[in-house]
């Protein structure tokens, strides 16, 4: 049966149709579609009017041609005509409905959308257009079931990855939400079997106690226990705060002090010099004026166009971030001509009579400050990299900055000498302990970019090499310690009958007389070959890719490299979570419970979109 819907019906005819009873189709019509279609009787008769089939749901008339071998095709439906597909609802437990519900949970977690999104009119309208049969679950279902279930599944996957890692390092930092709730975030770092550096957010916990060393140590112990990490082999990366140092000492953890925080402390000391501080105050006053005055900001934009300068906004520094002061100076120097022109305009002078441009001496000093602090800014950017190892960079970077900030260059002005001296004195007292040096030097020699250790004396280089060989031997001997047989393990295999070739030539060509090399000998040979037969890797290349290609050549050193190159040189990873948290805990969502905050931050950073959906996203479909 094929047919077309009738194009139009008069109001009277439609009224009459609604009063008529739809009769069932004859039993000879076996197609499934007849469960939803029937016939009217002929006018004044009991016989069926088979010229048109009638839809039982919407009373639409469909031309009937008498062909029952195929299901009827309905075309040219009215605009408001709903199909049977649209009329049916998806059962909540159907695969299609489950998939849509899960995708909404993915959207909430990955895109930092509020739970209330499912109640928004715009979202519901979009859902209706995409899949009208789907009924959106309540917000409560997502908060109490869907998101927690997704969190548990993802947590189980990450826990499995951590168990496979040779070593895990964690970073930690504290922050405060808009609701004045204190949190501590932990991230994990490890290298996979394929030499991929992985970073995962482990957890974000509310901390109502004071941030003492004892309380922080308890948190570290809790994290290690919850994620089944061996505390004796755990490395923590924190800032230089006294409570973090105390926590590491109480827990007997190996600790790396964040190099970015170390740089920040040294730079802050330089920025507090009277000459520098006064100049920053003058620049800050000018940039703040343009931020407050809409008319001045508009005139500045006009001057930028007139002078063909980039239409960049002026920046104002933040007290806790030294690099924001550098960015403020750099942007001010870039826009200096436009700023002077704007401040001299009559419109601006009316509202900012007390705002003056910098003198030539001030501008010269600002340029010198920018040039002097540029290496510090570059070092900060390098250490914020999270796709390549950074612990191995600290020792050569620290040595280079100490060299660059040495005073005594005849061309330096008094202000530049004071800045360098302040930075040099602060950096000189960092990483001075034996434990710090062993950690940093070992990481550097295991990085093929820095294996020559040119920043150390020859005696120091030999000492580092000896310590690395000894640690590689200890690691190998520990791995070779036989463990007791499992109760269900099979006994020793029976010796196979020798082949005729083995019986005839076995004594002559047997390797039984070959004395196996000790692990110490093999480690020494690997170190010698590693240092002498391969040239240092280019600084632009990835050391992990190099190790993936040479793992079989240097098996002992490769195991040790995985243990050290997985350790980040900064705690930037945990600090990055703060900005994500700011997107989650907004003014409208400040009442989120700590449990929900933990789940959302965890999923936003760790949730992986399935491969099928990834291919769709990459195609833009």
Protein backbone atom coordinates (compact mmCIF):
# COMPACT_ATOMS: atom_id res chain seq x y z
CA UNK A 1 0.00 0.00 0.00
CA UNK A 2 1.46 3.38 -1.00
CA UNK A 3 -0.22 6.68 -0.41
CA UNK A 4 -0.14 10.44 0.00
CA UNK A 5 -1.83 12.45 2.72
CA UNK A 6 -4.75 14.53 1.53
CA UNK A 7 -3.57 18.12 1.04
CA UNK A 8 -6.37 19.93 2.83
CA UNK A 9 -9.53 19.29 4.73
CA UNK A 10 -12.33 21.71 5.37
CA UNK A 11 -13.19 22.52 8.97
CA UNK A 12 -16.58 20.87 8.60
CA UNK A 13 -15.13 17.72 7.11
CA UNK A 14 -12.55 17.47 9.90
CA UNK A 15 -15.29 17.87 12.49
CA UNK A 16 -17.25 15.06 10.85
CA UNK A 17 -14.18 12.83 10.72
CA UNK A 18 -13.56 13.20 14.43
CA UNK A 19 -17.04 11.87 15.12
CA UNK A 20 -16.65 8.78 12.92
CA UNK A 21 -15.35 5.53 14.37
CA UNK A 22 -12.21 3.98 12.90
CA UNK A 23 -12.82 0.34 12.12
CA UNK A 24 -10.09 -2.29 12.32
CA UNK A 25 -8.51 -3.44 9.08
CA UNK A 26 -9.47 -6.84 7.74
CA UNK A 27 -7.50 -9.75 9.21
CA UNK A 28 -6.06 -10.46 5.77
CA UNK A 29 -3.84 -7.37 6.10
CA UNK A 30 -0.87 -8.72 8.08
CA UNK A 31 1.56 -5.76 7.99
CA UNK A 32 2.54 -4.33 11.39
CA UNK A 33 1.47 -0.86 10.29
CA UNK A 34 -2.18 -1.90 10.44
CA UNK A 35 -1.97 -1.88 14.21
CA UNK A 36 -1.99 1.93 13.86
CA UNK A 37 -4.29 2.34 10.83
CA UNK A 38 -7.88 1.40 10.07
CA UNK A 39 -10.83 2.39 7.85
CA UNK A 40 -14.04 4.36 8.09
CA UNK A 41 -17.30 2.81 7.03
CA UNK A 42 -18.91 4.02 3.83
CA UNK A 43 -21.54 6.69 4.31
CA UNK A 44 -24.64 5.01 5.73
CA UNK A 45 -23.23 1.49 5.23
CA UNK A 46 -21.41 -1.17 7.24
CA UNK A 47 -18.87 -1.80 4.49
CA UNK A 48 -15.35 -0.38 4.87
CA UNK A 49 -14.25 2.59 2.78
CA UNK A 50 -10.94 1.24 1.50
CA UNK A 51 -10.07 4.28 -0.57
CA UNK A 52 -8.21 5.78 2.40
CA UNK A 53 -6.49 4.35 5.49
CA UNK A 54 -7.03 6.37 8.68
CA UNK A 55 -4.34 6.92 11.33
CA UNK A 56 -5.69 6.00 14.77
CA UNK A 57 -3.52 8.66 16.48
CA UNK A 58 -4.06 11.80 14.43
CA UNK A 59 -6.95 10.79 12.10
CA UNK A 60 -4.86 11.57 8.99
CA UNK A 61 -6.21 10.06 5.74
CA UNK A 62 -3.76 8.09 3.58
CA UNK A 63 -4.55 7.00 0.03
CA UNK A 64 -4.80 3.21 -0.14
CA UNK A 65 -3.77 1.41 -3.35
CA UNK A 66 -4.44 -2.12 -2.23
CA UNK A 67 -0.79 -3.33 -2.22
CA UNK A 68 -0.25 -5.31 0.99
CA UNK A 69 3.10 -6.81 0.10
CA UNK A 70 4.89 -3.73 1.47
CA UNK A 71 4.18 -1.42 4.35
CA UNK A 72 2.49 1.84 3.30
CA UNK A 73 4.64 4.89 2.65
CA UNK A 74 3.31 8.18 3.99
CA UNK A 75 4.52 11.29 2.20
CA UNK A 76 3.59 14.94 2.01
CA UNK A 77 2.46 15.07 5.62
CA UNK A 78 1.14 18.35 6.97
CA UNK A 79 3.64 20.54 8.81
CA UNK A 80 2.11 19.75 12.18
CA UNK A 81 1.72 16.06 11.43
CA UNK A 82 3.58 13.92 13.99
CA UNK A 83 4.94 10.56 12.92
CA UNK A 84 4.62 7.36 14.92
CA UNK A 85 8.35 7.64 15.63
CA UNK A 86 7.77 11.02 17.26
CA UNK A 87 4.74 9.94 19.21
CA UNK A 88 6.51 7.12 21.03
CA UNK A 89 8.68 7.84 24.09
CA UNK A 90 12.08 6.34 24.80
CA UNK A 91 12.01 4.11 27.87
CA UNK A 92 14.46 5.46 30.48
CA UNK A 93 16.28 2.10 30.57
CA UNK A 94 16.70 1.84 26.79
CA UNK A 95 20.22 1.98 25.36
CA UNK A 96 19.42 5.14 23.42
CA UNK A 97 18.13 6.96 26.52
CA UNK A 98 21.09 5.79 28.63
CA UNK A 99 23.49 7.04 25.97
CA UNK A 100 21.85 10.48 25.86
CA UNK A 101 21.82 10.75 29.66
CA UNK A 102 25.50 9.86 29.78
CA UNK A 103 26.30 12.42 27.10
CA UNK A 104 24.59 15.13 29.18
CA UNK A 105 26.71 14.09 32.15
CA UNK A 106 29.81 14.36 29.94
CA UNK A 107 28.69 17.84 28.92
CA UNK A 108 28.21 18.94 32.53
CA UNK A 109 31.62 17.61 33.58
CA UNK A 110 33.83 18.46 30.59
CA UNK A 111 32.31 21.85 29.76
CA UNK A 112 31.83 22.96 33.38
CA UNK A 113 28.10 23.41 32.99
CA UNK A 114 25.86 23.74 36.08
CA UNK A 115 23.54 20.92 37.05
CA UNK A 116 20.65 23.32 36.54
CA UNK A 117 21.36 23.24 32.81
CA UNK A 118 18.93 20.34 32.46
CA UNK A 119 16.13 22.65 33.67
CA UNK A 120 16.93 25.52 31.31
CA UNK A 121 14.40 26.28 28.59
CA UNK A 122 17.01 26.62 25.87
CA UNK A 123 18.57 23.26 26.64
CA UNK A 124 15.18 21.55 26.75
CA UNK A 125 14.22 23.09 23.42
CA UNK A 126 17.46 21.86 21.84
CA UNK A 127 16.82 18.39 23.24
CA UNK A 128 13.31 18.39 21.80
CA UNK A 129 14.61 19.27 18.34
CA UNK A 130 17.39 16.67 18.43
CA UNK A 131 15.47 13.82 20.07
CA UNK A 132 11.81 14.57 20.87
CA UNK A 133 11.25 11.06 22.25
CA UNK A 134 13.80 11.52 25.06
CA UNK A 135 12.66 12.71 28.48
CA UNK A 136 15.34 14.66 30.38
CA UNK A 137 15.89 13.25 33.87
CA UNK A 138 15.73 15.51 36.89
CA UNK A 139 18.72 17.48 38.13
CA UNK A 140 18.76 15.24 41.18
CA UNK A 141 19.48 12.17 39.06
CA UNK A 142 22.66 13.80 37.72
CA UNK A 143 23.86 15.04 41.11
CA UNK A 144 23.15 11.85 43.02
CA UNK A 145 23.60 9.06 40.49
CA UNK A 146 24.92 9.84 37.00
CA UNK A 147 27.88 12.09 37.87
CA UNK A 148 28.93 10.02 40.94
CA UNK A 149 28.78 6.85 38.84
CA UNK A 150 30.88 8.46 36.12
CA UNK A 151 33.32 9.62 38.81
CA UNK A 152 33.64 6.10 40.24
CA UNK A 153 34.25 4.55 36.82
CA UNK A 154 36.90 7.12 35.90
CA UNK A 155 38.57 6.85 39.29
CA UNK A 156 38.87 3.10 38.88
CA UNK A 157 40.55 3.52 35.50
CA UNK A 158 43.08 6.04 36.83
CA UNK A 159 43.82 3.89 39.88
CA UNK A 160 44.69 1.06 37.51
CA UNK A 161 47.06 3.31 35.56
CA UNK A 162 48.81 4.40 38.76
CA UNK A 163 49.36 0.80 39.79
CA UNK A 164 51.15 0.07 36.52
CA UNK A 165 53.49 3.07 36.85
CA UNK A 166 57.07 2.52 38.02
CA UNK A 167 56.87 5.63 40.15
CA UNK A 168 54.29 8.32 40.91
CA UNK A 169 54.95 11.91 41.91
CA UNK A 170 52.24 14.16 43.30
CA UNK A 171 51.88 17.92 43.50
CA UNK A 172 49.85 19.74 46.08
CA UNK A 173 48.56 23.26 46.60
CA UNK A 174 45.84 24.99 48.58
CA UNK A 175 43.25 27.52 47.42
CA UNK A 176 40.09 29.24 48.63
CA UNK A 177 36.75 29.22 46.81
CA UNK A 178 34.28 32.09 46.36
CA UNK A 179 32.33 30.62 49.27
CA UNK A 180 35.45 31.10 51.45
CA UNK A 181 35.96 27.35 51.67
CA UNK A 182 39.56 26.15 51.82
CA UNK A 183 40.53 23.29 49.48
CA UNK A 184 43.68 21.28 48.79
CA UNK A 185 44.19 19.76 45.33
CA UNK A 186 46.49 16.84 44.53
CA UNK A 187 47.71 15.84 41.07
CA UNK A 188 49.63 12.70 40.05
CA UNK A 189 52.40 12.43 37.46
CA UNK A 190 53.83 9.26 35.96
CA UNK A 191 55.30 7.81 32.76
CA UNK A 192 53.48 5.02 30.94
CA UNK A 193 55.00 1.93 29.35
CA UNK A 194 54.99 3.84 26.04
CA UNK A 195 56.98 6.72 27.59
CA UNK A 196 54.07 9.11 27.68
CA UNK A 197 54.11 11.66 30.49
CA UNK A 198 50.67 11.60 32.12
CA UNK A 199 49.14 14.09 34.54
CA UNK A 200 45.97 13.31 36.49
CA UNK A 201 44.00 15.24 39.09
CA UNK A 202 43.57 12.87 42.01
CA UNK A 203 41.32 14.71 44.40
CA UNK A 204 40.26 18.05 45.82
CA UNK A 205 39.47 17.97 49.52
CA UNK A 206 37.96 20.61 51.75
CA UNK A 207 40.30 21.49 54.60
CA UNK A 208 38.69 23.15 57.58
CA UNK A 209 41.70 22.68 59.86
CA UNK A 210 44.66 25.02 59.95
CA UNK A 211 47.25 24.27 57.29
CA UNK A 212 49.92 23.08 59.69
CA UNK A 213 52.64 20.63 58.76
CA UNK A 214 50.95 17.87 60.79
CA UNK A 215 47.60 18.34 59.04
CA UNK A 216 49.24 18.46 55.61
CA UNK A 217 51.14 15.27 56.40
CA UNK A 218 47.84 13.58 57.28
CA UNK A 219 46.46 14.63 53.91
CA UNK A 220 49.47 13.20 52.07
CA UNK A 221 49.10 9.93 53.96
CA UNK A 222 45.37 9.82 53.15
CA UNK A 223 46.00 10.39 49.44
CA UNK A 224 48.63 7.64 49.36
CA UNK A 225 46.33 5.23 51.16
CA UNK A 226 43.27 6.01 49.03
CA UNK A 227 45.18 5.55 45.76
CA UNK A 228 47.31 2.63 47.01
CA UNK A 229 50.62 4.48 46.56
CA UNK A 230 53.77 3.37 48.36
CA UNK A 231 54.72 6.22 50.68
CA UNK A 232 58.37 5.19 50.82
CA UNK A 233 58.68 5.67 47.06
CA UNK A 234 56.42 8.71 46.77
CA UNK A 235 57.80 12.09 45.68
CA UNK A 236 55.88 15.26 46.52
CA UNK A 237 56.29 18.61 44.76
CA UNK A 238 55.24 21.63 46.80
CA UNK A 239 56.05 25.29 47.23
CA UNK A 240 58.64 26.55 49.69
CA UNK A 241 56.17 27.19 52.52
CA UNK A 242 57.30 26.10 55.97
CA UNK A 243 54.24 23.89 56.53
CA UNK A 244 54.95 21.93 53.33
CA UNK A 245 58.58 21.43 54.30
CA UNK A 246 57.47 20.21 57.72
CA UNK A 247 54.88 17.85 56.23
CA UNK A 248 57.48 16.25 53.95
CA UNK A 249 59.84 15.79 56.87
CA UNK A 250 57.16 14.25 59.11
CA UNK A 251 56.09 11.80 56.41
CA UNK A 252 59.66 11.06 55.36
CA UNK A 253 58.74 11.91 51.76
CA UNK A 254 61.18 12.80 49.05
CA UNK A 255 60.38 16.41 48.25
CA UNK A 256 61.03 18.74 45.33
CA UNK A 257 60.56 22.44 45.92
CA UNK A 258 58.61 24.13 43.11
CA UNK A 259 61.08 25.96 40.90
CA UNK A 260 58.43 28.38 39.64
CA UNK A 261 57.74 29.39 43.25
CA UNK A 262 61.49 29.72 43.84
CA UNK A 263 61.79 32.06 40.85
CA UNK A 264 58.78 34.03 42.07
CA UNK A 265 60.40 34.59 45.48
CA UNK A 266 63.64 35.80 43.90
CA UNK A 267 61.86 38.12 41.46
CA UNK A 268 59.59 39.50 44.19
CA UNK A 269 62.66 40.41 46.17
CA UNK A 270 63.97 42.40 43.21
CA UNK A 271 60.60 44.13 42.66
CA UNK A 272 60.60 45.36 46.26
CA UNK A 273 63.74 47.44 45.70
CA UNK A 274 62.82 51.12 46.30
CA UNK A 275 63.75 52.30 42.79
CA UNK A 276 61.82 49.49 41.12
CA UNK A 277 58.85 49.72 43.48
CA UNK A 278 58.38 53.46 42.87
CA UNK A 279 58.48 52.98 39.09
CA UNK A 280 55.96 50.16 39.24
CA UNK A 281 53.68 52.40 41.30
CA UNK A 282 53.74 55.11 38.62
CA UNK A 283 52.98 52.64 35.84
CA UNK A 284 50.27 50.98 37.92
CA UNK A 285 48.61 54.36 38.49
CA UNK A 286 48.45 55.04 34.74
CA UNK A 287 47.16 51.59 33.78
CA UNK A 288 44.62 51.70 36.60
CA UNK A 289 43.32 55.05 35.33
CA UNK A 290 42.65 53.65 31.87
CA UNK A 291 40.91 50.64 33.41
CA UNK A 292 38.60 52.87 35.46
CA UNK A 293 37.81 55.53 32.85
CA UNK A 294 35.73 54.40 29.89
CA UNK A 295 36.32 57.67 28.01
CA UNK A 296 40.09 57.43 28.49
CA UNK A 297 40.03 53.80 27.36
CA UNK A 298 38.09 54.79 24.23
CA UNK A 299 40.55 57.56 23.37
CA UNK A 300 43.44 55.14 23.89
CA UNK A 301 41.87 52.81 21.34
CA UNK A 302 41.63 55.69 18.87
CA UNK A 303 45.30 56.58 19.41
CA UNK A 304 46.28 52.94 18.90
CA UNK A 305 44.56 52.91 15.50
CA UNK A 306 46.09 56.25 14.57
CA UNK A 307 49.60 55.12 15.50
CA UNK A 308 49.04 51.62 14.02
CA UNK A 309 49.76 49.90 17.31
CA UNK A 310 48.26 46.54 18.35
CA UNK A 311 44.81 47.05 19.94
CA UNK A 312 45.96 45.44 23.20
CA UNK A 313 44.53 46.30 26.60
CA UNK A 314 46.82 47.64 29.29
CA UNK A 315 47.69 45.26 32.11
CA UNK A 316 47.87 45.84 35.86
CA UNK A 317 50.03 43.66 38.09
CA UNK A 318 48.89 41.33 40.85
CA UNK A 319 50.83 41.32 44.10
CA UNK A 320 51.18 37.53 44.30
CA UNK A 321 52.45 37.04 40.74
CA UNK A 322 55.76 38.70 39.89
CA UNK A 323 55.36 37.97 36.16
CA UNK A 324 52.24 40.15 36.14
CA UNK A 325 54.53 43.12 36.95
CA UNK A 326 56.77 42.15 34.03
CA UNK A 327 53.74 41.87 31.73
CA UNK A 328 52.51 45.28 32.91
CA UNK A 329 55.86 46.92 32.11
CA UNK A 330 56.17 45.17 28.76
CA UNK A 331 52.65 46.15 27.65
CA UNK A 332 53.20 49.72 28.87
CA UNK A 333 56.38 50.05 26.78
CA UNK A 334 54.60 48.58 23.77
CA UNK A 335 51.76 51.12 24.05
CA UNK A 336 53.85 54.03 25.34
CA UNK A 337 53.23 56.29 22.32
CA UNK A 338 49.45 55.75 22.42
CA UNK A 339 49.38 56.25 26.20
CA UNK A 340 51.24 59.58 25.96
CA UNK A 341 48.97 60.78 23.16
CA UNK A 342 45.84 59.80 25.08
CA UNK A 343 46.97 61.45 28.31
CA UNK A 344 47.75 64.69 26.46
CA UNK A 345 44.32 64.85 24.81
CA UNK A 346 41.97 67.53 26.23
CA UNK A 347 39.20 65.03 26.96
CA UNK A 348 41.42 62.89 29.17
CA UNK A 349 43.09 65.80 30.93
CA UNK A 350 39.69 66.95 32.19
CA UNK A 351 39.07 63.67 34.07
CA UNK A 352 42.67 62.80 34.89
CA UNK A 353 44.45 66.03 35.66
CA UNK A 354 46.72 64.34 38.21
CA UNK A 355 47.81 61.55 35.82
CA UNK A 356 51.17 62.27 34.18
CA UNK A 357 53.22 60.36 31.65
CA UNK A 358 56.55 58.88 32.60
CA UNK A 359 59.72 60.88 32.20
CA UNK A 360 62.45 59.78 29.82
CA UNK A 361 64.46 58.47 32.77
CA UNK A 362 61.49 56.42 33.98
CA UNK A 363 60.98 54.96 30.51
CA UNK A 364 64.66 54.06 30.28
CA UNK A 365 64.51 52.40 33.69
CA UNK A 366 61.40 50.46 32.68
CA UNK A 367 63.18 49.19 29.58
CA UNK A 368 66.18 48.08 31.67
CA UNK A 369 63.93 46.29 34.15
CA UNK A 370 62.19 44.45 31.31
CA UNK A 371 65.50 43.37 29.77
CA UNK A 372 66.91 42.23 33.13
CA UNK A 373 63.82 40.24 34.10
CA UNK A 374 63.28 38.68 30.65
CA UNK A 375 65.41 35.56 31.42
CA UNK A 376 63.44 35.06 34.64
CA UNK A 377 60.16 35.25 32.71
CA UNK A 378 61.44 32.79 30.10
CA UNK A 379 62.51 30.38 32.83
CA UNK A 380 59.04 30.58 34.37
CA UNK A 381 57.37 29.80 31.04
CA UNK A 382 59.69 26.85 30.43
CA UNK A 383 58.95 25.35 33.83
CA UNK A 384 55.20 25.63 33.27
CA UNK A 385 55.42 23.09 30.43
CA UNK A 386 53.58 19.88 31.29
CA UNK A 387 54.15 17.67 28.22
CA UNK A 388 57.91 17.16 28.73
CA UNK A 389 60.04 16.52 31.84
CA UNK A 390 60.88 19.60 33.88
CA UNK A 391 62.71 18.28 36.96
CA UNK A 392 65.81 17.70 34.82
CA UNK A 393 65.72 21.35 33.74
CA UNK A 394 66.02 22.81 37.25
CA UNK A 395 69.75 22.22 37.83
CA UNK A 396 71.00 23.69 34.51
CA UNK A 397 68.43 26.49 34.67
CA UNK A 398 69.36 27.36 38.24
CA UNK A 399 73.06 27.41 37.37
CA UNK A 400 72.44 29.60 34.32
CA UNK A 401 70.37 32.13 36.24
CA UNK A 402 73.03 32.34 38.94
CA UNK A 403 75.62 33.02 36.24
CA UNK A 404 73.45 35.63 34.46
CA UNK A 405 72.71 37.53 37.68
CA UNK A 406 76.30 37.79 38.84
CA UNK A 407 77.20 41.44 39.31
CA UNK A 408 80.37 42.88 37.91
CA UNK A 409 79.44 43.62 34.31
CA UNK A 410 80.78 47.10 33.58
CA UNK A 411 77.84 48.06 31.37
CA UNK A 412 75.15 47.59 34.04
CA UNK A 413 73.56 50.61 35.69
CA UNK A 414 73.22 50.85 39.45
CA UNK A 415 69.55 49.80 39.32
CA UNK A 416 70.32 46.76 37.16
CA UNK A 417 73.13 45.70 39.51
CA UNK A 418 70.78 45.94 42.47
CA UNK A 419 68.15 43.82 40.69
CA UNK A 420 70.67 41.14 39.75
CA UNK A 421 72.17 41.10 43.21
CA UNK A 422 68.76 40.64 44.85
CA UNK A 423 67.87 37.76 42.53
CA UNK A 424 71.31 36.16 42.82
CA UNK A 425 71.34 36.20 46.61
CA UNK A 426 67.90 34.63 46.82
CA UNK A 427 68.63 31.89 44.25
CA UNK A 428 71.98 31.10 45.83
CA UNK A 429 70.37 29.77 49.01
CA UNK A 430 67.97 27.48 47.13
CA UNK A 431 68.59 23.78 46.40
CA UNK A 432 71.71 23.76 48.55
CA UNK A 433 71.13 20.55 50.53
CA UNK A 434 72.70 17.23 49.57
CA UNK A 435 69.27 15.65 49.03
CA UNK A 436 68.20 18.46 46.68
CA UNK A 437 71.40 18.22 44.66
CA UNK A 438 71.23 14.43 44.36
CA UNK A 439 67.66 14.59 43.12
CA UNK A 440 68.26 17.38 40.57
CA UNK A 441 71.64 16.16 39.28
CA UNK A 442 70.37 12.59 38.83
CA UNK A 443 67.37 13.84 36.85
CA UNK A 444 69.63 16.03 34.67
CA UNK A 445 72.10 13.26 33.80
CA UNK A 446 69.22 10.94 32.87
CA UNK A 447 67.89 13.58 30.49
CA UNK A 448 69.84 13.12 27.21
CA UNK A 449 69.68 16.89 26.66
CA UNK A 450 71.74 17.65 29.80
CA UNK A 451 73.67 14.40 30.40
CA UNK A 452 77.05 16.13 29.99
CA UNK A 453 76.35 18.25 33.12
CA UNK A 454 78.49 21.17 31.88
CA UNK A 455 77.43 23.30 34.85
CA UNK A 456 79.31 20.98 37.25
CA UNK A 457 83.00 20.45 37.78
CA UNK A 458 84.60 17.25 36.52
CA UNK A 459 84.80 15.76 40.01
CA UNK A 460 81.14 16.54 40.58
CA UNK A 461 80.26 14.90 37.27
CA UNK A 462 82.08 11.70 38.23
CA UNK A 463 80.34 11.71 41.59
CA UNK A 464 76.91 11.99 39.97
CA UNK A 465 77.72 9.20 37.52
CA UNK A 466 78.82 6.91 40.35
CA UNK A 467 75.65 7.57 42.32
CA UNK A 468 73.46 6.88 39.28
CA UNK A 469 75.28 3.60 38.61
CA UNK A 470 74.85 2.56 42.24
CA UNK A 471 71.13 3.40 42.20
CA UNK A 472 70.60 1.54 38.93
CA UNK A 473 72.31 -1.53 40.40
CA UNK A 474 70.22 -1.33 43.57
CA UNK A 475 67.04 -1.02 41.51
CA UNK A 476 68.00 -4.02 39.39
CA UNK A 477 68.97 -6.16 42.38
CA UNK A 478 65.68 -5.28 44.08
CA UNK A 479 63.75 -6.32 40.98
CA UNK A 480 65.63 -9.63 40.79
CA UNK A 481 64.89 -10.65 44.38
CA UNK A 482 62.92 -13.89 44.00
CA UNK A 483 59.53 -13.94 45.65
CA UNK A 484 58.04 -17.02 47.24
CA UNK A 485 56.00 -19.23 44.94
CA UNK A 486 52.27 -18.77 44.96
CA UNK A 487 50.23 -21.57 46.44
CA UNK A 488 48.56 -22.22 43.15
CA UNK A 489 51.64 -21.75 40.99
CA UNK A 490 52.84 -24.73 38.97
CA UNK A 491 56.07 -26.48 39.92
CA UNK A 492 59.28 -26.31 37.88
CA UNK A 493 59.00 -27.36 34.27
CA UNK A 494 60.37 -30.77 33.36
CA UNK A 495 63.54 -30.71 31.31
CA UNK A 496 62.83 -31.32 27.66
CA UNK A 497 64.66 -34.09 25.82
CA UNK A 498 67.67 -32.57 23.98
CA UNK A 499 67.51 -32.46 20.23
CA UNK A 500 70.02 -34.46 18.17
CA UNK A 501 71.87 -31.24 17.33
CA UNK A 502 72.14 -30.36 21.02
CA UNK A 503 73.39 -33.86 21.83
CA UNK A 504 76.05 -33.71 19.13
CA UNK A 505 77.34 -30.12 19.39
CA UNK A 506 76.06 -29.05 22.78
CA UNK A 507 79.40 -29.35 24.60
CA UNK A 508 81.29 -27.42 21.94
CA UNK A 509 78.86 -24.57 21.44
CA UNK A 510 77.29 -24.44 24.87
CA UNK A 511 77.20 -21.04 26.60
CA UNK A 512 77.50 -22.65 29.98
CA UNK A 513 81.07 -21.46 30.24
CA UNK A 514 80.08 -17.82 29.70
CA UNK A 515 80.08 -16.01 33.02
CA UNK A 516 77.05 -13.66 33.23
CA UNK A 517 77.90 -10.05 33.91
CA UNK A 518 76.96 -8.58 37.23
CA UNK A 519 74.40 -5.82 37.39
CA UNK A 520 77.15 -3.42 38.48
CA UNK A 521 79.24 -4.24 35.40
CA UNK A 522 76.25 -3.85 33.11
CA UNK A 523 75.32 -0.52 34.71
CA UNK A 524 78.87 0.80 34.29
CA UNK A 525 78.95 -0.28 30.65
CA UNK A 526 75.59 1.33 30.00
CA UNK A 527 76.69 4.61 31.59
CA UNK A 528 79.91 4.66 29.57
CA UNK A 529 78.07 3.94 26.33
CA UNK A 530 75.33 6.45 27.20
CA UNK A 531 77.84 9.25 27.78
CA UNK A 532 80.35 8.51 25.04
CA UNK A 533 78.63 6.95 22.07
CA UNK A 534 75.61 9.22 21.80
CA UNK A 535 75.78 12.99 21.47
CA UNK A 536 73.55 15.18 23.68
CA UNK A 537 70.00 15.53 22.45
CA UNK A 538 68.89 18.84 20.97
CA UNK A 539 67.15 21.08 23.48
CA UNK A 540 64.12 21.28 21.20
CA UNK A 541 63.57 17.49 21.19
CA UNK A 542 61.59 15.38 23.62
CA UNK A 543 63.78 13.22 25.90
CA UNK A 544 60.95 10.74 26.42
CA UNK A 545 60.83 9.97 22.70
CA UNK A 546 64.59 9.41 22.81
CA UNK A 547 64.25 6.98 25.70
CA UNK A 548 61.44 5.12 23.98
CA UNK A 549 63.78 4.46 21.04
CA UNK A 550 66.80 3.54 23.24
CA UNK A 551 65.09 1.67 26.08
CA UNK A 552 66.44 -1.70 24.91
CA UNK A 553 69.95 -0.30 24.49
CA UNK A 554 70.12 1.08 28.05
CA UNK A 555 67.63 -1.06 30.03
CA UNK A 556 69.02 -0.27 33.49
CA UNK A 557 69.27 3.47 32.92
CA UNK A 558 65.85 3.49 31.24
CA UNK A 559 64.20 2.15 34.41
CA UNK A 560 65.91 4.84 36.42
CA UNK A 561 64.95 7.53 33.89
CA UNK A 562 61.28 6.65 34.31
CA UNK A 563 61.62 7.11 38.05
CA UNK A 564 63.05 10.61 37.79
CA UNK A 565 61.71 12.15 34.59
CA UNK A 566 58.11 11.63 35.75
CA UNK A 567 58.66 14.13 38.60
CA UNK A 568 57.52 17.67 37.70
CA UNK A 569 59.76 20.57 38.58
CA UNK A 570 56.85 22.73 39.67
CA UNK A 571 53.46 22.46 41.35
CA UNK A 572 51.87 24.37 38.46
CA UNK A 573 49.65 21.38 37.63
CA UNK A 574 47.74 21.68 40.91
CA UNK A 575 47.65 25.47 40.60
CA UNK A 576 46.03 25.19 37.17
CA UNK A 577 43.11 23.46 38.82
CA UNK A 578 42.37 26.75 40.62
CA UNK A 579 41.30 28.44 37.41
CA UNK A 580 39.10 25.48 36.57
CA UNK A 581 37.63 25.65 40.05
CA UNK A 582 36.85 29.31 39.46
CA UNK A 583 34.72 28.30 36.48
CA UNK A 584 32.91 25.68 38.56
CA UNK A 585 32.41 27.55 41.85
CA UNK A 586 30.89 30.72 40.45
CA UNK A 587 28.74 33.23 42.28
CA UNK A 588 25.65 31.35 41.09
CA UNK A 589 27.08 27.98 42.19
CA UNK A 590 28.82 28.95 45.39
CA UNK A 591 26.73 26.46 47.39
CA UNK A 592 28.21 23.39 45.71
CA UNK A 593 29.18 20.82 48.31
CA UNK A 594 32.86 19.84 48.62
CA UNK A 595 31.95 16.39 47.33
CA UNK A 596 30.47 17.82 44.13
CA UNK A 597 33.46 20.15 43.71
CA UNK A 598 35.80 17.18 43.96
CA UNK A 599 33.82 15.13 41.45
CA UNK A 600 33.50 17.92 38.88
CA UNK A 601 37.16 18.97 39.05
CA UNK A 602 38.21 15.33 38.82
CA UNK A 603 36.02 14.60 35.80
CA UNK A 604 36.80 17.85 33.99
CA UNK A 605 40.50 17.01 34.02
CA UNK A 606 40.40 13.23 33.72
CA UNK A 607 37.27 12.25 31.82
CA UNK A 608 38.12 10.89 28.39
CA UNK A 609 35.62 11.23 25.55
CA UNK A 610 35.18 7.82 23.86
CA UNK A 611 37.03 7.35 20.58
CA UNK A 612 33.88 7.20 18.47
CA UNK A 613 32.74 10.61 19.66
CA UNK A 614 36.28 11.98 19.22
CA UNK A 615 36.23 11.14 15.53
CA UNK A 616 32.86 12.86 15.18
CA UNK A 617 34.15 15.99 16.93
CA UNK A 618 37.28 16.08 14.78
CA UNK A 619 35.13 15.99 11.65
CA UNK A 620 32.93 18.78 12.94
CA UNK A 621 29.81 16.67 12.48
